[in-house]
């Protein structure tokens, strides 16, 4: 199977930029993802929306490479922004990889996970209430890691 084909509908340039070490390039890729997801929302193409979220989760946010994880996180936040009020329909898929990144050894990556979660929750608003307990547990883990870092 062709790896590039597996990442469609993400353009090869977007994939490269999501993996880049520079935040600015990952941000440009996120804006492209936002446009793409907005098009899918306008077309009511839920299967492509789910596929994009799945790619960003599995191939990026849960990747072994830190820059890819950062790209996946900003991409998931961009999806949520593009989905707007419909983001509540995909919250489980958007939130789970972000919460997984809360446990990352890299403090910068945990910061990006917090930023992604903030952007997802900001858009989803009240739709996150059914997920409150897992969100609270994730935030508790972040606070405990911060506190243990201060004590050292």
Protein backbone atom coordinates (compact mmCIF):
# COMPACT_ATOMS: atom_id res chain seq x y z
CA UNK A 1 0.00 0.00 0.00
CA UNK A 2 1.17 3.52 -0.78
CA UNK A 3 1.80 5.49 2.44
CA UNK A 4 0.98 8.80 0.74
CA UNK A 5 -2.33 7.37 -0.44
CA UNK A 6 -3.19 6.27 3.11
CA UNK A 7 -2.98 9.88 4.30
CA UNK A 8 -5.41 11.25 1.72
CA UNK A 9 -7.29 13.64 1.83
CA UNK A 10 -4.31 15.42 3.43
CA UNK A 11 -2.07 16.83 0.71
CA UNK A 12 1.60 15.74 0.77
CA UNK A 13 2.67 19.32 1.57
CA UNK A 14 0.36 19.39 4.58
CA UNK A 15 1.74 16.05 5.79
CA UNK A 16 5.32 17.34 5.45
CA UNK A 17 4.47 20.55 7.29
CA UNK A 18 2.74 18.70 10.14
CA UNK A 19 5.97 16.75 10.67
CA UNK A 20 8.18 19.85 10.56
CA UNK A 21 10.16 20.99 13.59
CA UNK A 22 9.11 24.62 13.04
CA UNK A 23 5.88 25.71 14.69
CA UNK A 24 5.14 28.18 11.88
CA UNK A 25 5.06 25.39 9.28
CA UNK A 26 2.83 23.22 11.46
CA UNK A 27 0.51 26.22 11.93
CA UNK A 28 0.23 26.71 8.14
CA UNK A 29 -0.64 23.02 7.80
CA UNK A 30 -3.31 23.39 10.50
CA UNK A 31 -4.89 26.27 8.58
CA UNK A 32 -5.03 24.04 5.47
CA UNK A 33 -6.66 21.28 7.53
CA UNK A 34 -9.18 23.78 8.84
CA UNK A 35 -10.10 24.77 5.25
CA UNK A 36 -10.36 21.12 4.22
CA UNK A 37 -12.62 20.19 7.12
CA UNK A 38 -14.81 23.26 6.51
CA UNK A 39 -15.32 21.99 2.94
CA UNK A 40 -16.29 18.56 4.26
CA UNK A 41 -18.72 20.16 6.72
CA UNK A 42 -20.31 22.17 3.88
CA UNK A 43 -20.66 18.93 1.87
CA UNK A 44 -21.93 17.05 4.96
CA UNK A 45 -19.17 14.50 4.30
CA UNK A 46 -18.93 12.90 7.74
CA UNK A 47 -16.87 9.93 6.56
CA UNK A 48 -14.07 12.22 5.34
CA UNK A 49 -14.22 14.27 8.55
CA UNK A 50 -13.84 11.08 10.60
CA UNK A 51 -11.01 9.93 8.34
CA UNK A 52 -9.09 13.20 8.77
CA UNK A 53 -9.50 13.04 12.55
CA UNK A 54 -8.37 9.40 12.53
CA UNK A 55 -5.26 10.24 10.48
CA UNK A 56 -4.37 13.15 12.76
CA UNK A 57 -4.84 10.95 15.82
CA UNK A 58 -3.18 7.71 14.76
CA UNK A 59 -0.48 8.88 12.36
CA UNK A 60 0.44 12.14 14.10
CA UNK A 61 -0.75 12.76 17.68
CA UNK A 62 0.10 9.20 18.74
CA UNK A 63 3.30 9.00 16.66
CA UNK A 64 6.71 8.15 18.09
CA UNK A 65 8.15 11.41 16.73
CA UNK A 66 7.63 14.55 18.88
CA UNK A 67 7.25 16.96 15.96
CA UNK A 68 4.59 14.71 14.43
CA UNK A 69 2.74 14.60 17.76
CA UNK A 70 2.80 18.40 17.92
CA UNK A 71 1.51 18.54 14.34
CA UNK A 72 -1.28 16.11 15.20
CA UNK A 73 -2.34 18.16 18.20
CA UNK A 74 -2.55 21.42 16.28
CA UNK A 75 -4.34 19.58 13.47
CA UNK A 76 -6.96 18.17 15.84
CA UNK A 77 -7.57 21.64 17.27
CA UNK A 78 -7.94 22.97 13.70
CA UNK A 79 -10.52 20.26 12.98
CA UNK A 80 -12.52 21.30 16.02
CA UNK A 81 -12.42 24.95 14.98
CA UNK A 82 -13.59 24.05 11.47
CA UNK A 83 -16.38 21.85 12.82
CA UNK A 84 -17.71 24.63 15.02
CA UNK A 85 -20.95 23.63 16.72
CA UNK A 86 -20.68 20.18 15.11
CA UNK A 87 -17.46 19.42 17.00
CA UNK A 88 -19.59 17.85 19.73
CA UNK A 89 -20.33 14.98 17.35
CA UNK A 90 -16.62 14.08 17.23
CA UNK A 91 -15.47 14.99 20.74
CA UNK A 92 -14.42 11.52 21.83
CA UNK A 93 -12.18 11.16 18.76
CA UNK A 94 -10.78 14.68 19.19
CA UNK A 95 -10.13 14.50 22.94
CA UNK A 96 -8.66 11.01 23.45
CA UNK A 97 -5.35 11.55 21.60
CA UNK A 98 -4.93 14.94 23.27
CA UNK A 99 -5.37 13.41 26.71
CA UNK A 100 -2.85 10.69 25.83
CA UNK A 101 -0.30 13.44 25.10
CA UNK A 102 -0.84 14.81 28.61
CA UNK A 103 1.31 11.93 29.84
CA UNK A 104 4.20 12.65 27.46
CA UNK A 105 7.67 12.98 28.94
CA UNK A 106 8.29 16.17 26.91
CA UNK A 107 6.97 19.22 28.76
CA UNK A 108 6.66 21.19 25.49
CA UNK A 109 4.43 18.48 24.09
CA UNK A 110 2.26 18.54 27.22
CA UNK A 111 1.98 22.31 26.72
CA UNK A 112 0.81 21.79 23.11
CA UNK A 113 -1.69 19.20 24.37
CA UNK A 114 -3.10 21.74 26.86
CA UNK A 115 -3.35 24.33 24.11
CA UNK A 116 -5.10 21.87 21.78
CA UNK A 117 -7.56 20.85 24.51
CA UNK A 118 -8.29 24.51 25.26
CA UNK A 119 -9.11 25.17 21.58
CA UNK A 120 -11.28 22.06 21.32
CA UNK A 121 -13.22 22.86 24.51
CA UNK A 122 -13.56 26.52 23.54
CA UNK A 123 -15.40 25.53 20.37
CA UNK A 124 -17.37 22.58 21.77
CA UNK A 125 -18.53 24.45 24.90
CA UNK A 126 -21.33 22.56 26.66
CA UNK A 127 -20.88 19.47 24.51
CA UNK A 128 -17.81 18.58 26.61
CA UNK A 129 -19.85 18.07 29.79
CA UNK A 130 -20.37 14.33 29.18
CA UNK A 131 -16.56 14.07 28.95
CA UNK A 132 -15.91 16.17 32.04
CA UNK A 133 -14.60 13.33 34.21
CA UNK A 134 -11.89 12.26 31.72
CA UNK A 135 -10.97 15.89 31.06
CA UNK A 136 -10.69 16.56 34.77
CA UNK A 137 -8.49 13.47 35.26
CA UNK A 138 -6.24 14.59 32.41
CA UNK A 139 -5.89 18.08 33.81
CA UNK A 140 -5.19 16.64 37.26
CA UNK A 141 -2.30 14.62 35.77
CA UNK A 142 -0.87 17.78 34.18
CA UNK A 143 -1.07 19.66 37.48
CA UNK A 144 0.59 16.81 39.36
CA UNK A 145 3.44 16.69 36.85
CA UNK A 146 3.89 20.46 37.21
CA UNK A 147 3.93 20.20 40.99
CA UNK A 148 6.44 17.35 40.97
CA UNK A 149 8.67 19.42 38.67
CA UNK A 150 8.56 22.35 41.09
CA UNK A 151 9.53 20.17 44.05
CA UNK A 152 12.67 18.79 42.34
